[in-house]
N, C-alpha and C. Protein backbone atom coordinates (compact mmCIF):
# COMPACT_ATOMS: atom_id res chain seq x y z
N UNK A 1 0.82 -1.23 -0.02
CA UNK A 1 -0.01 -0.04 0.00
C UNK A 1 0.94 1.29 -0.01
N UNK A 2 1.79 1.30 0.88
CA UNK A 2 2.66 2.50 1.07
C UNK A 2 3.53 2.73 -0.23
N UNK A 3 4.06 1.60 -0.78
CA UNK A 3 4.81 1.68 -2.09
C UNK A 3 3.91 2.18 -3.18
N UNK A 4 2.64 1.70 -3.12
CA UNK A 4 1.72 2.03 -4.19
C UNK A 4 1.44 3.54 -4.28
N UNK A 5 1.36 4.20 -2.90
CA UNK A 5 1.08 5.56 -2.77
C UNK A 5 2.38 6.36 -3.26
N UNK A 6 3.51 5.73 -2.96
CA UNK A 6 4.70 6.49 -3.41
C UNK A 6 4.94 6.48 -4.98
N UNK A 7 4.41 5.43 -5.55
CA UNK A 7 4.50 5.21 -7.01
C UNK A 7 3.54 6.14 -7.63
N UNK A 8 2.27 6.24 -7.16
CA UNK A 8 1.36 7.13 -7.75
C UNK A 8 1.66 8.59 -7.60
N UNK A 9 2.26 8.98 -6.37
CA UNK A 9 2.66 10.38 -6.10
C UNK A 9 3.70 10.73 -7.02
N UNK A 10 4.65 9.99 -7.30
CA UNK A 10 5.80 10.28 -8.13
C UNK A 10 5.30 10.26 -9.64
N UNK A 11 4.39 9.43 -10.00
CA UNK A 11 3.81 9.41 -11.41
C UNK A 11 3.14 10.78 -11.68
N UNK A 12 2.30 11.20 -10.78
CA UNK A 12 1.43 12.38 -10.98
C UNK A 12 2.00 13.75 -10.37
N UNK A 13 3.19 13.65 -9.86
CA UNK A 13 3.79 14.79 -9.40
C UNK A 13 3.12 15.45 -8.11
N UNK A 14 2.52 14.53 -7.21
CA UNK A 14 1.89 15.05 -6.05
C UNK A 14 2.91 14.71 -4.92
N UNK A 15 2.79 15.54 -3.80
CA UNK A 15 3.52 15.31 -2.63
C UNK A 15 3.00 14.09 -1.79
N UNK A 16 3.94 13.14 -1.35
CA UNK A 16 3.57 12.07 -0.47
C UNK A 16 3.83 12.53 0.94
N UNK A 17 2.92 12.62 1.81
CA UNK A 17 3.11 12.99 3.18
C UNK A 17 2.80 11.90 4.11
N UNK A 18 3.68 11.54 4.99
CA UNK A 18 3.50 10.44 5.93
C UNK A 18 3.18 11.13 7.30
N UNK A 19 2.04 10.87 7.93
CA UNK A 19 1.80 11.25 9.19
C UNK A 19 2.48 10.24 10.23
N UNK A 20 3.57 10.52 10.86
CA UNK A 20 4.32 9.61 11.75
C UNK A 20 4.01 10.07 13.14
N UNK A 21 2.92 10.76 13.38
CA UNK A 21 2.55 11.23 14.91
C UNK A 21 2.54 10.00 15.60
N UNK A 22 1.97 8.95 15.20
CA UNK A 22 2.03 7.67 16.10
C UNK A 22 3.09 6.73 15.77
N UNK A 23 3.60 6.70 14.57
CA UNK A 23 4.52 5.58 14.30
C UNK A 23 6.04 6.09 14.51
N UNK A 24 6.27 7.42 14.46
CA UNK A 24 7.57 7.94 14.57
C UNK A 24 8.29 7.49 15.81
N UNK A 25 9.37 6.89 15.76
CA UNK A 25 10.20 6.35 16.84
C UNK A 25 9.51 5.18 17.57
N UNK A 26 8.49 4.92 17.20
CA UNK A 26 7.81 3.62 17.80
C UNK A 26 8.00 2.33 17.14
N UNK A 27 7.83 2.47 15.78
CA UNK A 27 8.22 1.08 15.08
C UNK A 27 9.67 0.91 14.72
N UNK A 28 10.29 2.09 14.54
CA UNK A 28 11.82 2.01 14.37
C UNK A 28 12.37 3.37 14.76
N UNK A 29 13.62 3.43 14.70
CA UNK A 29 14.27 4.81 14.92
C UNK A 29 13.89 5.83 13.76
N UNK A 30 13.85 5.21 12.59
CA UNK A 30 13.47 6.04 11.48
C UNK A 30 11.86 6.02 11.14
N UNK A 31 11.23 5.56 12.11
CA UNK A 31 9.67 5.64 11.78
C UNK A 31 9.24 4.54 10.98
N UNK A 32 8.07 4.54 10.47
CA UNK A 32 7.36 3.60 9.59
C UNK A 32 8.16 3.68 8.15
N UNK A 33 8.60 4.84 7.81
CA UNK A 33 9.21 4.98 6.49
C UNK A 33 10.41 4.17 6.44
N UNK A 34 11.24 4.07 7.37
CA UNK A 34 12.43 3.19 7.59
C UNK A 34 11.96 1.74 7.67
N UNK A 35 11.00 1.46 8.49
CA UNK A 35 10.53 0.10 8.85
C UNK A 35 10.11 -0.51 7.62
N UNK A 36 9.34 0.19 6.55
CA UNK A 36 8.76 -0.38 5.44
C UNK A 36 9.47 -0.03 4.21
N UNK A 37 10.58 0.81 4.34
CA UNK A 37 11.46 1.10 3.23
C UNK A 37 10.75 1.92 2.27
N UNK A 38 9.93 2.89 2.55
CA UNK A 38 9.33 3.89 1.59
C UNK A 38 9.55 5.20 2.08
N UNK A 39 10.04 6.06 1.27
CA UNK A 39 10.41 7.51 1.68
C UNK A 39 9.43 8.49 1.17
N UNK A 40 8.73 9.20 2.14
CA UNK A 40 7.86 10.28 1.74
C UNK A 40 8.51 11.58 1.31
N UNK A 41 7.77 12.54 0.82
CA UNK A 41 8.34 13.98 0.51
C UNK A 41 8.24 14.68 1.74
N UNK A 42 7.28 14.55 2.63
CA UNK A 42 7.12 15.32 3.84
C UNK A 42 6.76 14.43 4.92
N UNK A 43 7.24 14.56 6.15
CA UNK A 43 6.95 13.83 7.40
C UNK A 43 6.38 14.72 8.36
N UNK A 44 5.28 14.38 9.18
CA UNK A 44 4.79 15.09 10.35
C UNK A 44 5.02 14.31 11.53
N UNK A 45 5.40 14.87 12.59
CA UNK A 45 5.61 14.12 13.80
C UNK A 45 5.05 14.98 15.01
N UNK A 46 4.65 14.11 16.10
CA UNK A 46 4.04 14.95 17.28
C UNK A 46 4.81 14.78 18.48
N UNK A 47 4.28 14.71 19.56
CA UNK A 47 4.95 14.75 20.80
C UNK A 47 6.06 13.73 21.24
N UNK A 48 5.96 12.74 20.25
CA UNK A 48 7.09 11.77 20.58
C UNK A 48 8.48 12.32 20.42
N UNK A 49 8.60 13.39 19.66
CA UNK A 49 9.92 13.98 19.52
C UNK A 49 10.12 14.90 20.73
N UNK A 50 9.22 15.03 21.60
CA UNK A 50 9.50 15.77 22.80
C UNK A 50 9.49 14.85 24.05
N UNK A 51 9.64 13.58 23.84
CA UNK A 51 9.58 12.72 24.97
C UNK A 51 8.19 12.67 25.64
N UNK A 52 7.24 12.90 24.85
CA UNK A 52 5.87 12.90 25.35
C UNK A 52 5.29 14.33 25.72
N UNK A 53 6.17 15.26 25.77
CA UNK A 53 5.58 16.64 25.99
C UNK A 53 5.13 17.26 24.78
N UNK A 54 4.33 18.19 24.83
CA UNK A 54 3.55 18.85 23.72
C UNK A 54 4.38 19.57 22.71
N UNK A 55 4.60 19.03 21.57
CA UNK A 55 5.30 19.62 20.48
C UNK A 55 4.94 18.98 19.22
N UNK A 56 5.20 19.62 18.00
CA UNK A 56 4.78 19.00 16.74
C UNK A 56 6.06 19.61 15.83
N UNK A 57 6.17 18.73 14.68
CA UNK A 57 7.16 19.17 13.82
C UNK A 57 6.89 18.46 12.41
N UNK A 58 7.47 19.07 11.36
CA UNK A 58 7.35 18.58 10.05
C UNK A 58 8.73 18.70 9.35
N UNK A 59 9.07 17.86 8.41
CA UNK A 59 10.22 17.80 7.66
C UNK A 59 10.13 17.21 6.37
N UNK A 60 10.93 17.52 5.46
CA UNK A 60 10.90 17.02 4.09
C UNK A 60 12.18 17.26 3.29
N UNK A 61 11.79 17.10 2.04
CA UNK A 61 12.87 17.34 0.95
C UNK A 61 13.44 18.72 0.95
N UNK A 62 14.64 19.00 0.75
CA UNK A 62 15.35 20.32 0.99
C UNK A 62 14.54 21.34 0.05
N UNK A 63 14.19 21.01 -1.10
CA UNK A 63 13.47 22.04 -1.99
C UNK A 63 12.04 22.33 -1.40
N UNK A 64 11.45 21.45 -0.65
CA UNK A 64 10.13 21.71 -0.04
C UNK A 64 10.41 22.57 1.34
N UNK A 65 11.34 22.25 1.96
CA UNK A 65 11.59 23.07 3.18
C UNK A 65 12.13 24.30 2.86
N UNK A 66 12.78 24.48 1.93
CA UNK A 66 13.29 25.95 1.50
C UNK A 66 12.23 26.84 1.06
N UNK A 67 10.94 26.27 1.07
CA UNK A 67 9.84 27.24 0.74
C UNK A 67 9.40 27.91 2.04
N UNK A 68 9.74 27.40 3.25
CA UNK A 68 9.36 27.88 4.59
C UNK A 68 10.21 29.08 5.00
N UNK A 69 9.79 30.18 5.59
CA UNK A 69 10.48 31.25 6.07
C UNK A 69 11.48 30.82 7.15
N UNK A 70 12.67 31.47 7.29
CA UNK A 70 13.00 32.60 6.51
C UNK A 70 13.74 32.39 5.04
N UNK A 71 13.90 31.13 4.76
CA UNK A 71 14.47 30.77 3.50
C UNK A 71 13.49 31.10 2.32
N UNK A 72 12.23 30.86 2.54
CA UNK A 72 11.21 30.88 1.47
C UNK A 72 10.03 31.83 1.88
N UNK A 73 8.96 31.95 1.10
CA UNK A 73 7.79 32.82 1.24
C UNK A 73 6.68 32.22 2.17
N UNK A 74 6.87 30.93 2.53
CA UNK A 74 5.67 30.38 3.49
C UNK A 74 6.04 30.61 4.91
N UNK A 75 5.21 31.31 5.53
CA UNK A 75 5.48 31.64 7.03
C UNK A 75 4.88 30.52 7.88
N UNK A 76 5.59 30.13 8.90
CA UNK A 76 5.05 29.17 9.81
C UNK A 76 5.69 29.44 11.15
N UNK A 77 4.82 29.45 12.15
CA UNK A 77 5.34 29.53 13.58
C UNK A 77 4.37 28.80 14.43
N UNK A 78 4.82 28.57 15.72
CA UNK A 78 4.01 27.95 16.75
C UNK A 78 4.48 28.22 18.20
N UNK A 79 3.51 28.36 19.06
CA UNK A 79 3.91 28.52 20.45
C UNK A 79 4.88 27.55 20.98
N UNK A 80 4.88 26.29 20.64
CA UNK A 80 5.73 25.37 21.24
C UNK A 80 6.91 25.00 20.27
N UNK A 81 7.03 25.64 19.24
CA UNK A 81 8.25 25.41 18.39
C UNK A 81 9.45 25.74 19.13
N UNK A 82 10.27 24.67 19.21
CA UNK A 82 11.56 24.85 19.87
C UNK A 82 11.54 24.92 21.39
N UNK A 83 10.44 24.59 21.97
CA UNK A 83 10.32 24.73 23.44
C UNK A 83 11.46 23.84 24.11
N UNK A 84 12.41 24.68 24.87
CA UNK A 84 13.68 23.87 25.36
C UNK A 84 13.33 22.72 26.18
N UNK A 85 12.29 22.76 27.04
CA UNK A 85 11.99 21.59 27.87
C UNK A 85 11.60 20.32 27.09
N UNK A 86 10.75 20.60 26.07
CA UNK A 86 10.30 19.55 25.26
C UNK A 86 11.47 18.91 24.36
N UNK A 87 12.36 19.90 23.87
CA UNK A 87 13.40 19.42 23.18
C UNK A 87 14.39 18.67 23.95
N UNK A 88 14.56 19.04 25.26
CA UNK A 88 15.65 18.32 26.04
C UNK A 88 15.01 16.96 26.34
N UNK A 89 13.72 16.87 26.65
CA UNK A 89 13.10 15.53 26.85
C UNK A 89 13.20 14.66 25.52
N UNK A 90 13.04 15.22 24.46
CA UNK A 90 12.99 14.47 23.22
C UNK A 90 14.32 13.85 22.97
N UNK A 91 15.43 14.83 23.23
CA UNK A 91 16.83 14.34 22.96
C UNK A 91 17.24 13.25 23.83
N UNK A 92 16.71 13.20 25.14
CA UNK A 92 17.05 12.25 26.02
C UNK A 92 16.39 10.90 25.65
N UNK A 93 15.19 10.98 25.30
CA UNK A 93 14.38 9.81 24.84
C UNK A 93 15.09 9.14 23.53
N UNK A 94 15.50 10.02 22.60
CA UNK A 94 16.19 9.56 21.45
C UNK A 94 17.51 8.77 21.71
N UNK A 95 18.18 9.35 22.78
CA UNK A 95 19.49 8.71 23.06
C UNK A 95 19.21 7.35 23.66
N UNK A 96 18.15 7.20 24.50
CA UNK A 96 17.99 5.79 24.93
C UNK A 96 17.44 4.86 23.85
N UNK A 97 16.62 5.31 22.90
CA UNK A 97 16.25 4.64 21.73
C UNK A 97 17.32 4.16 20.76
N UNK A 98 18.39 4.87 20.75
CA UNK A 98 19.45 4.70 19.83
C UNK A 98 20.44 3.53 20.33
N UNK A 99 20.21 3.26 21.66
CA UNK A 99 21.15 2.24 22.18
C UNK A 99 20.77 0.87 21.50
N UNK A 100 21.86 0.12 21.40
CA UNK A 100 21.57 -1.31 20.70
C UNK A 100 20.62 -2.22 21.35
N UNK A 101 19.73 -2.81 20.59
CA UNK A 101 18.85 -3.78 21.06
C UNK A 101 17.43 -3.29 21.46
N UNK A 102 17.21 -1.91 21.48
CA UNK A 102 16.04 -1.30 22.00
C UNK A 102 14.91 -1.74 21.14
N UNK A 103 14.89 -1.74 19.89
CA UNK A 103 13.75 -1.83 19.03
C UNK A 103 13.57 -3.42 18.95
N UNK A 104 14.60 -4.18 19.01
CA UNK A 104 14.47 -5.66 19.04
C UNK A 104 13.68 -6.05 20.26
N UNK A 105 14.06 -5.36 21.36
CA UNK A 105 13.22 -5.64 22.66
C UNK A 105 11.76 -5.31 22.51
N UNK A 106 11.52 -4.06 21.94
CA UNK A 106 10.10 -3.58 21.84
C UNK A 106 9.48 -4.57 21.00
N UNK A 107 9.93 -5.13 19.84
CA UNK A 107 9.19 -5.82 18.88
C UNK A 107 8.97 -7.33 19.55
N UNK A 108 9.91 -7.74 20.18
CA UNK A 108 9.84 -9.08 20.84
C UNK A 108 8.77 -9.05 21.88
N UNK A 109 8.74 -8.00 22.74
CA UNK A 109 7.57 -7.94 23.68
C UNK A 109 6.23 -7.71 23.18
N UNK A 110 6.19 -6.86 21.88
CA UNK A 110 4.94 -6.76 21.32
C UNK A 110 4.37 -8.07 20.78
N UNK A 111 5.33 -8.75 20.20
CA UNK A 111 4.99 -10.14 19.65
C UNK A 111 4.53 -11.06 20.64
N UNK A 112 5.17 -11.03 21.82
CA UNK A 112 4.79 -11.94 22.94
C UNK A 112 3.40 -11.59 23.43
N UNK A 113 3.04 -10.27 23.59
CA UNK A 113 1.86 -9.86 24.12
C UNK A 113 0.74 -10.25 23.11
N UNK A 114 0.91 -9.82 21.76
CA UNK A 114 -0.17 -10.09 20.84
C UNK A 114 -0.29 -11.69 20.50
N UNK A 115 0.71 -12.45 20.35
CA UNK A 115 0.56 -13.81 20.29
C UNK A 115 -0.19 -14.40 21.44
N UNK A 116 0.15 -13.93 22.67
CA UNK A 116 -0.39 -14.42 23.82
C UNK A 116 -1.89 -14.20 23.92
N UNK A 117 -2.30 -12.94 23.60
CA UNK A 117 -3.80 -12.48 23.52
C UNK A 117 -4.62 -13.36 22.52
N UNK A 118 -3.93 -13.43 21.32
CA UNK A 118 -4.71 -14.09 20.26
C UNK A 118 -4.73 -15.57 20.63
N UNK A 119 -3.68 -16.21 21.14
CA UNK A 119 -3.74 -17.64 21.57
C UNK A 119 -4.78 -17.91 22.63
N UNK A 120 -4.83 -16.93 23.59
CA UNK A 120 -5.82 -17.08 24.65
C UNK A 120 -7.25 -17.04 24.01
N UNK A 121 -7.47 -16.10 23.21
CA UNK A 121 -8.79 -15.79 22.69
C UNK A 121 -9.29 -17.07 21.75
N UNK A 122 -8.33 -17.64 20.92
CA UNK A 122 -8.62 -18.70 20.20
C UNK A 122 -8.93 -19.94 21.10
N UNK A 123 -8.24 -20.14 22.21
CA UNK A 123 -8.41 -21.18 23.07
C UNK A 123 -9.70 -21.09 23.85
N UNK A 124 -10.23 -19.94 24.02
CA UNK A 124 -11.53 -19.66 24.57
C UNK A 124 -12.64 -19.60 23.61
N UNK A 125 -12.38 -19.97 22.32
CA UNK A 125 -13.45 -20.03 21.32
C UNK A 125 -13.79 -18.67 20.76
N UNK A 126 -12.93 -17.80 20.83
CA UNK A 126 -13.05 -16.39 20.08
C UNK A 126 -12.16 -16.25 19.02
N UNK A 127 -12.69 -16.08 17.72
CA UNK A 127 -11.87 -15.97 16.50
C UNK A 127 -11.11 -14.59 16.76
N UNK A 128 -9.81 -14.50 16.66
CA UNK A 128 -8.94 -13.35 16.85
C UNK A 128 -7.73 -13.43 15.97
N UNK A 129 -7.28 -12.22 15.69
CA UNK A 129 -6.01 -12.11 15.05
C UNK A 129 -5.28 -10.85 15.41
N UNK A 130 -4.09 -10.66 15.16
CA UNK A 130 -3.41 -9.47 15.62
C UNK A 130 -2.00 -9.29 14.75
N UNK A 131 -1.43 -8.11 15.04
CA UNK A 131 -0.22 -7.78 14.43
C UNK A 131 0.60 -6.79 15.24
N UNK A 132 1.94 -6.64 14.87
CA UNK A 132 2.71 -5.73 15.62
C UNK A 132 3.91 -5.15 14.54
N UNK A 133 4.35 -4.03 14.97
CA UNK A 133 5.50 -3.61 14.27
C UNK A 133 6.29 -2.72 15.32
N UNK A 134 7.57 -3.17 15.67
CA UNK A 134 8.23 -2.44 16.70
C UNK A 134 7.45 -2.43 17.99
N UNK A 135 7.21 -1.24 18.54
CA UNK A 135 6.49 -0.98 19.79
C UNK A 135 5.05 -0.74 19.54
N UNK A 136 4.55 -0.98 18.33
CA UNK A 136 3.01 -0.73 18.15
C UNK A 136 2.40 -2.15 18.01
N UNK A 137 1.20 -2.25 18.35
CA UNK A 137 0.52 -3.53 18.27
C UNK A 137 -0.99 -3.43 18.33
N UNK A 138 -1.60 -4.41 17.93
CA UNK A 138 -3.18 -4.48 18.05
C UNK A 138 -3.67 -5.73 17.71
N UNK A 139 -4.90 -5.97 17.93
CA UNK A 139 -5.66 -7.27 17.64
C UNK A 139 -7.17 -6.95 17.45
N UNK A 140 -7.79 -8.01 16.80
CA UNK A 140 -9.09 -7.94 16.45
C UNK A 140 -9.90 -9.18 16.76
N UNK A 141 -11.14 -8.96 17.14
CA UNK A 141 -11.96 -10.15 17.36
C UNK A 141 -12.55 -10.62 16.02
N UNK A 142 -11.82 -11.18 15.21
CA UNK A 142 -12.15 -11.74 13.93
C UNK A 142 -11.07 -12.73 13.47
N UNK A 143 -11.48 -13.62 12.50
CA UNK A 143 -10.58 -14.64 12.09
C UNK A 143 -9.19 -13.98 11.40
N UNK A 144 -9.57 -13.02 10.62
CA UNK A 144 -8.56 -12.22 9.74
C UNK A 144 -8.10 -12.98 8.64
N UNK A 145 -6.95 -12.59 8.13
CA UNK A 145 -6.12 -11.39 8.53
C UNK A 145 -6.76 -10.15 8.34
N UNK A 146 -6.29 -9.07 9.01
CA UNK A 146 -6.75 -7.74 8.71
C UNK A 146 -5.62 -7.00 8.11
N UNK A 147 -5.90 -6.65 6.82
CA UNK A 147 -4.93 -5.87 6.07
C UNK A 147 -5.42 -4.64 5.55
N UNK A 148 -6.69 -4.15 5.95
CA UNK A 148 -7.28 -2.92 5.42
C UNK A 148 -8.32 -2.58 6.45
N UNK A 149 -8.74 -1.26 6.22
CA UNK A 149 -9.88 -0.85 7.24
C UNK A 149 -11.12 -1.68 6.97
N UNK A 150 -11.51 -2.02 5.69
CA UNK A 150 -12.71 -2.81 5.55
C UNK A 150 -12.63 -4.18 6.23
N UNK A 151 -11.34 -4.73 6.32
CA UNK A 151 -11.14 -5.91 6.98
C UNK A 151 -11.35 -5.64 8.53
N UNK A 152 -10.88 -4.60 9.05
CA UNK A 152 -10.92 -4.29 10.50
C UNK A 152 -12.51 -4.00 10.78
N UNK A 153 -13.27 -3.44 9.99
CA UNK A 153 -14.68 -3.28 10.17
C UNK A 153 -15.46 -4.61 10.47
N UNK A 154 -14.89 -5.65 10.03
CA UNK A 154 -15.58 -7.01 10.31
C UNK A 154 -15.27 -7.57 11.64
N UNK A 155 -14.51 -6.89 12.35
CA UNK A 155 -14.15 -7.40 13.69
C UNK A 155 -15.39 -7.01 14.61
N UNK A 156 -15.51 -7.90 15.70
CA UNK A 156 -16.62 -7.84 16.77
C UNK A 156 -16.28 -6.67 17.61
N UNK A 157 -16.69 -5.48 17.30
CA UNK A 157 -16.44 -4.30 18.09
C UNK A 157 -17.20 -4.37 19.54
N UNK A 158 -18.42 -4.99 19.41
CA UNK A 158 -19.27 -5.02 20.75
C UNK A 158 -18.49 -6.05 21.81
N UNK A 159 -17.83 -7.05 21.22
CA UNK A 159 -17.10 -8.04 22.11
C UNK A 159 -15.77 -7.34 22.55
N UNK A 160 -15.18 -6.50 21.60
CA UNK A 160 -14.07 -5.65 22.07
C UNK A 160 -14.35 -4.78 23.27
N UNK A 161 -15.57 -4.13 23.21
CA UNK A 161 -16.00 -3.15 24.24
C UNK A 161 -16.13 -3.96 25.65
N UNK A 162 -16.67 -5.24 25.52
CA UNK A 162 -16.77 -5.90 26.78
C UNK A 162 -15.42 -6.31 27.28
N UNK A 163 -14.57 -6.78 26.41
CA UNK A 163 -13.29 -7.16 26.77
C UNK A 163 -12.45 -5.96 27.35
N UNK A 164 -12.59 -4.78 26.83
CA UNK A 164 -11.98 -3.60 27.31
C UNK A 164 -12.47 -3.20 28.64
N UNK A 165 -13.75 -3.32 28.88
CA UNK A 165 -14.20 -2.90 30.21
C UNK A 165 -13.81 -3.98 31.30
N UNK A 166 -13.66 -5.19 30.93
CA UNK A 166 -13.41 -6.21 31.95
C UNK A 166 -11.90 -6.16 32.12
N UNK A 167 -11.16 -5.77 31.25
CA UNK A 167 -9.60 -5.58 31.44
C UNK A 167 -9.28 -4.34 32.39
N UNK A 168 -10.17 -3.29 32.14
CA UNK A 168 -10.14 -2.13 32.76
C UNK A 168 -10.35 -2.35 34.35
N UNK A 169 -11.39 -3.13 34.59
CA UNK A 169 -11.92 -3.43 35.91
C UNK A 169 -10.86 -4.19 36.64
N UNK A 170 -9.97 -4.78 35.92
CA UNK A 170 -8.83 -5.73 36.55
C UNK A 170 -7.51 -4.94 36.49
N UNK A 171 -7.57 -3.75 36.26
CA UNK A 171 -6.38 -2.84 36.31
C UNK A 171 -5.50 -2.85 35.09
N UNK A 172 -6.05 -3.28 33.92
CA UNK A 172 -5.17 -3.27 32.65
C UNK A 172 -5.85 -2.13 31.74
N UNK A 173 -5.11 -1.25 31.51
CA UNK A 173 -5.44 -0.09 30.74
C UNK A 173 -5.04 -0.14 29.22
N UNK A 174 -6.00 -0.29 28.46
CA UNK A 174 -5.76 -0.57 26.97
C UNK A 174 -6.49 0.56 26.21
N UNK A 175 -6.04 0.80 24.97
CA UNK A 175 -6.71 1.73 24.05
C UNK A 175 -8.17 1.26 23.96
N UNK A 176 -9.18 2.30 24.00
CA UNK A 176 -10.55 1.98 24.15
C UNK A 176 -11.30 1.68 22.85
N UNK A 177 -10.65 1.56 21.72
CA UNK A 177 -11.22 1.19 20.54
C UNK A 177 -10.62 0.12 19.79
N UNK A 178 -11.47 -0.77 19.16
CA UNK A 178 -10.89 -1.85 18.31
C UNK A 178 -9.96 -1.43 17.18
N UNK A 179 -10.13 -0.24 16.79
CA UNK A 179 -9.37 0.46 15.61
C UNK A 179 -8.11 1.16 16.17
N UNK A 180 -7.85 1.15 17.43
CA UNK A 180 -6.70 1.90 17.99
C UNK A 180 -5.58 1.04 18.32
N UNK A 181 -4.30 1.53 18.01
CA UNK A 181 -3.10 0.67 18.26
C UNK A 181 -2.67 0.78 19.80
N UNK A 182 -2.03 -0.24 20.18
CA UNK A 182 -1.50 -0.20 21.49
C UNK A 182 0.10 0.14 21.38
N UNK A 183 0.70 0.63 22.52
CA UNK A 183 2.07 1.02 22.39
C UNK A 183 2.84 0.23 23.57
N UNK A 184 3.89 -0.44 23.11
CA UNK A 184 4.80 -1.11 24.01
C UNK A 184 5.95 -0.22 24.43
N UNK A 185 6.28 -0.25 25.71
CA UNK A 185 7.25 0.78 26.25
C UNK A 185 8.48 0.00 26.70
N UNK A 186 9.56 0.53 26.61
CA UNK A 186 10.79 -0.06 27.17
C UNK A 186 10.63 -0.25 28.60
N UNK A 187 9.77 0.51 29.30
CA UNK A 187 9.64 0.28 30.75
C UNK A 187 8.86 -0.91 31.13
N UNK A 188 8.14 -1.47 30.05
CA UNK A 188 7.21 -2.83 30.39
C UNK A 188 8.23 -3.86 30.61
N UNK A 189 7.91 -4.66 31.59
CA UNK A 189 8.77 -5.94 31.95
C UNK A 189 8.18 -7.21 31.40
N UNK A 190 8.83 -8.21 31.51
CA UNK A 190 8.25 -9.64 31.23
C UNK A 190 7.28 -9.87 32.28
N UNK A 191 7.39 -9.32 33.44
CA UNK A 191 6.28 -9.62 34.47
C UNK A 191 5.08 -8.91 34.19
N UNK A 192 5.24 -7.64 33.59
CA UNK A 192 4.06 -6.87 33.25
C UNK A 192 3.26 -7.62 32.08
N UNK A 193 3.97 -8.17 31.09
CA UNK A 193 3.34 -8.86 29.99
C UNK A 193 2.62 -10.03 30.38
N UNK A 194 3.41 -10.89 31.41
CA UNK A 194 2.76 -12.14 31.85
C UNK A 194 1.55 -11.82 32.66
N UNK A 195 1.50 -10.79 33.48
CA UNK A 195 0.39 -10.52 34.29
C UNK A 195 -0.75 -10.06 33.29
N UNK A 196 -0.59 -9.26 32.33
CA UNK A 196 -1.52 -8.92 31.39
C UNK A 196 -2.14 -10.07 30.67
N UNK A 197 -1.30 -11.04 30.27
CA UNK A 197 -1.80 -12.32 29.57
C UNK A 197 -2.55 -13.03 30.52
N UNK A 198 -2.10 -13.18 31.83
CA UNK A 198 -3.01 -13.97 32.71
C UNK A 198 -4.28 -13.37 32.96
N UNK A 199 -4.40 -12.11 33.03
CA UNK A 199 -5.78 -11.34 33.22
C UNK A 199 -6.50 -11.46 31.89
N UNK A 200 -5.85 -11.46 30.75
CA UNK A 200 -6.62 -11.53 29.49
C UNK A 200 -7.17 -12.96 29.34
N UNK A 201 -6.46 -13.94 29.75
CA UNK A 201 -6.95 -15.31 29.58
C UNK A 201 -8.24 -15.56 30.54
N UNK A 202 -8.12 -14.89 31.75
CA UNK A 202 -9.32 -15.00 32.69
C UNK A 202 -10.46 -14.22 32.01
N UNK A 203 -10.30 -13.10 31.53
CA UNK A 203 -11.44 -12.29 30.88
C UNK A 203 -11.95 -13.00 29.61
N UNK A 204 -11.13 -13.48 28.80
CA UNK A 204 -11.63 -14.17 27.61
C UNK A 204 -12.39 -15.41 27.86
N UNK A 205 -12.17 -16.04 28.97
CA UNK A 205 -12.97 -17.22 29.32
C UNK A 205 -14.30 -16.83 29.82
N UNK A 206 -14.53 -15.54 30.13
CA UNK A 206 -15.82 -15.20 30.70
C UNK A 206 -16.66 -14.43 29.58
N UNK A 207 -16.11 -13.95 28.47
CA UNK A 207 -16.84 -13.26 27.50
C UNK A 207 -17.94 -14.04 26.81
C-alpha cells in the first residue's frame, strides 16, 4: 500500500506526506518509512519528538523545506516550536532509543503480548488475529487477517468493548477502540506482560 502511494505520487507529481505522529520512533528509529522502506516527501511528527511533552514538527525534501520562512515565502510559527523543555526531553528519549537492542526488545515484547492474547482468545473460542511492528501492536476479534480498514470493520466491536471494560476493571488499561493501536514501552517488563496475559485469559474465558 505504502509503495503504491509512493509510485502514484511520483507518477502524478503529487507530494507524498506520511503522518508519523503515532509511528515515529515507535516502530523503528526512522519511523514507519524506515521500517517499510518507503520514503515520503514530507513527514509530520508529534509529541514523541518531545519525549511525550507537547510539540509538533514536520520535515521533508530540501526543496520543499526551503519554501518555509526565512528561506522562502511560506510563514510558519507555533507557540511550542523549539520549546527547550520538550526538546531536552526528546533528545534524552532519542538517546535511549538509539542504544543497541532497544527496537528488538520492543518488537519481541509486542509479539509476545499479541500472540499471547490471540492464542488465549482462540483457546476460549473467540476468533482473533493481531499484528505488531516495533513497539506498536493491535488485535481484532475476527479470524482475519486484517490488512485494510474494511477488514478491520468486520471485527466484533461489541465484544471488544466488553473485553476492554473487563480488562479495565482488573487494572489493565488498553486503548478503548478496536481500531486503535497499543504501544509497548521499554519500561514494560516480562512480569508486566505475563500479568496482562493471565488477566486476558481470565477475561476471555468469561466473555
